[in-house]
């Protein structure tokens, strides 16, 4: 499902496209669907036209093609329609453009902001543990001192 911003961007791109798909009186046939599949794999964005002799409206033709191919309808204006489907093939080609000349930049898997926050949390935890250990030791020493004083009082009495 496309968002309204994505749809608007695709409509803008479709303005310069030529109409490559024509739905005639045969309607949406298997041959037409096969042709649409090929075009969507090669282009992602396809502009079509419904002839007056066709027995369906442009909206019906667009919906039928979208349902059969898994594409999204972008727009229907007059007797023309635009459909879109993401293409893995085109994405792979876009990813490879210009990469042969450049080295891949190493990408750190750690986020520096999270790394700093984690370091601060660990430092605070270590400080708490150090402080707790100090007070625990003080409590133990105090308890030992009270025991000695009690034993001295009991032995004198």
Protein backbone atom coordinates (compact mmCIF):
# COMPACT_ATOMS: atom_id res chain seq x y z
CA UNK A 1 0.00 0.00 0.00
CA UNK A 2 1.37 3.36 -0.98
CA UNK A 3 1.23 6.47 1.16
CA UNK A 4 -0.14 9.68 -0.30
CA UNK A 5 3.35 11.19 -0.57
CA UNK A 6 4.70 8.14 -2.40
CA UNK A 7 1.68 8.18 -4.70
CA UNK A 8 2.21 11.90 -5.45
CA UNK A 9 5.88 11.28 -6.24
CA UNK A 10 5.00 8.39 -8.56
CA UNK A 11 2.33 10.50 -10.30
CA UNK A 12 4.97 13.16 -10.94
CA UNK A 13 7.34 10.57 -12.42
CA UNK A 14 4.53 9.14 -14.56
CA UNK A 15 3.90 12.49 -16.29
CA UNK A 16 6.91 12.02 -18.54
CA UNK A 17 6.18 8.34 -19.27
CA UNK A 18 4.82 7.15 -22.60
CA UNK A 19 1.74 4.95 -22.64
CA UNK A 20 3.04 1.41 -23.08
CA UNK A 21 -0.02 -0.60 -22.15
CA UNK A 22 -3.32 -0.56 -24.06
CA UNK A 23 -6.48 -2.31 -22.91
CA UNK A 24 -8.80 -2.92 -25.84
CA UNK A 25 -12.11 -4.66 -26.36
CA UNK A 26 -10.56 -7.95 -25.24
CA UNK A 27 -10.35 -6.54 -21.72
CA UNK A 28 -7.83 -7.81 -19.18
CA UNK A 29 -6.65 -11.11 -20.66
CA UNK A 30 -3.87 -13.51 -19.69
CA UNK A 31 -1.65 -12.16 -22.47
CA UNK A 32 -2.14 -8.62 -21.21
CA UNK A 33 -1.31 -9.70 -17.63
CA UNK A 34 1.88 -11.43 -18.85
CA UNK A 35 2.88 -8.25 -20.69
CA UNK A 36 2.19 -6.15 -17.59
CA UNK A 37 4.32 -8.50 -15.46
CA UNK A 38 7.27 -8.06 -17.83
CA UNK A 39 6.87 -4.29 -17.91
CA UNK A 40 6.60 -4.02 -14.12
CA UNK A 41 9.76 -6.10 -13.65
CA UNK A 42 11.65 -3.89 -16.12
CA UNK A 43 10.26 -0.46 -15.21
CA UNK A 44 8.33 -0.55 -11.90
CA UNK A 45 6.02 2.21 -13.18
CA UNK A 46 3.67 1.53 -16.12
CA UNK A 47 1.23 3.90 -17.78
CA UNK A 48 -1.76 2.36 -19.55
CA UNK A 49 -4.69 3.46 -21.63
CA UNK A 50 -8.18 2.03 -21.99
CA UNK A 51 -9.67 2.34 -25.46
CA UNK A 52 -13.27 3.49 -25.93
CA UNK A 53 -14.14 0.11 -27.44
CA UNK A 54 -13.22 -1.69 -24.21
CA UNK A 55 -16.12 -2.93 -22.13
CA UNK A 56 -14.68 -1.63 -18.86
CA UNK A 57 -13.79 1.70 -17.31
CA UNK A 58 -10.17 2.71 -16.70
CA UNK A 59 -10.67 2.28 -12.92
CA UNK A 60 -11.97 -1.29 -13.39
CA UNK A 61 -9.10 -2.15 -15.74
CA UNK A 62 -6.54 -0.71 -13.33
CA UNK A 63 -8.04 -2.57 -10.36
CA UNK A 64 -8.19 -5.87 -12.29
CA UNK A 65 -4.56 -5.56 -13.41
CA UNK A 66 -3.41 -4.58 -9.93
CA UNK A 67 -5.22 -7.54 -8.39
CA UNK A 68 -3.75 -9.97 -10.92
CA UNK A 69 -0.15 -8.70 -10.65
CA UNK A 70 0.08 -7.56 -7.04
CA UNK A 71 0.76 -3.97 -8.11
CA UNK A 72 -0.58 -0.75 -6.62
CA UNK A 73 -2.76 1.67 -8.53
CA UNK A 74 -1.21 5.12 -8.57
CA UNK A 75 -3.74 7.19 -10.49
CA UNK A 76 -6.60 7.08 -12.96
CA UNK A 77 -7.22 10.22 -15.02
CA UNK A 78 -9.56 10.18 -17.98
CA UNK A 79 -8.91 7.02 -19.95
CA UNK A 80 -5.31 6.58 -18.66
CA UNK A 81 -4.04 4.86 -15.54
CA UNK A 82 -0.69 4.33 -13.82
CA UNK A 83 0.34 1.28 -11.80
CA UNK A 84 3.45 0.61 -9.71
CA UNK A 85 5.15 -2.47 -8.29
CA UNK A 86 8.58 -2.58 -6.61
CA UNK A 87 11.15 -4.51 -8.66
CA UNK A 88 14.01 -6.39 -6.97
CA UNK A 89 15.82 -6.52 -10.33
CA UNK A 90 15.84 -2.74 -10.70
CA UNK A 91 16.85 -2.26 -7.07
CA UNK A 92 19.87 -4.53 -7.58
CA UNK A 93 20.84 -2.54 -10.68
CA UNK A 94 20.48 0.75 -8.78
CA UNK A 95 22.65 -0.59 -5.99
CA UNK A 96 25.42 -1.59 -8.41
CA UNK A 97 25.64 1.74 -10.26
CA UNK A 98 29.03 3.34 -9.64
CA UNK A 99 30.13 0.85 -7.00
CA UNK A 100 32.77 -0.89 -9.07
CA UNK A 101 35.05 2.18 -8.90
CA UNK A 102 34.55 2.93 -5.23
CA UNK A 103 35.59 0.92 -2.23
CA UNK A 104 32.83 -0.01 0.10
CA UNK A 105 32.83 2.26 3.08
CA UNK A 106 33.02 0.34 6.31
CA UNK A 107 29.85 0.70 8.28
CA UNK A 108 30.03 0.52 12.02
CA UNK A 109 27.32 -1.68 13.42
CA UNK A 110 27.27 0.20 16.70
CA UNK A 111 25.45 3.46 17.14
CA UNK A 112 27.78 6.05 18.73
CA UNK A 113 24.94 7.64 20.68
CA UNK A 114 23.87 4.32 22.15
CA UNK A 115 27.50 3.40 22.75
CA UNK A 116 28.04 6.59 24.81
CA UNK A 117 24.81 6.10 26.74
CA UNK A 118 25.76 2.49 27.43
CA UNK A 119 29.21 3.57 28.65
CA UNK A 120 27.65 6.14 31.02
CA UNK A 121 25.20 3.55 32.37
CA UNK A 122 28.02 1.06 32.94
CA UNK A 123 30.13 3.72 34.72
CA UNK A 124 27.20 4.67 36.96
CA UNK A 125 26.55 1.00 37.75
CA UNK A 126 30.22 0.44 38.64
CA UNK A 127 30.14 3.53 40.91
CA UNK A 128 26.98 2.27 42.66
CA UNK A 129 28.52 -1.16 43.17
CA UNK A 130 31.73 0.39 44.56
CA UNK A 131 29.71 2.61 46.93
CA UNK A 132 27.49 -0.31 48.02
CA UNK A 133 30.56 -2.46 48.67
CA UNK A 134 32.08 0.32 50.79
CA UNK A 135 28.94 0.69 52.92
CA UNK A 136 28.53 -3.08 53.17
CA UNK A 137 32.09 -3.36 54.47
CA UNK A 138 31.47 -0.47 56.91
CA UNK A 139 28.36 -2.25 58.22
CA UNK A 140 30.32 -5.48 58.69
CA UNK A 141 33.12 -3.66 60.52
CA UNK A 142 30.58 -1.89 62.76
CA UNK A 143 28.85 -5.18 63.57
CA UNK A 144 32.19 -6.80 64.49
CA UNK A 145 33.04 -3.80 66.70
CA UNK A 146 29.65 -4.06 68.52
CA UNK A 147 30.20 -7.79 69.08
CA UNK A 148 33.64 -7.13 70.60
CA UNK A 149 32.25 -4.41 72.88
CA UNK A 150 29.38 -6.70 73.99
CA UNK A 151 31.83 -9.52 74.71
CA UNK A 152 34.02 -7.16 76.73
CA UNK A 153 31.02 -5.98 78.77
CA UNK A 154 29.84 -9.54 79.34
CA UNK A 155 33.31 -10.68 80.40
CA UNK A 156 33.66 -7.75 82.88
CA UNK A 157 30.30 -8.27 84.44
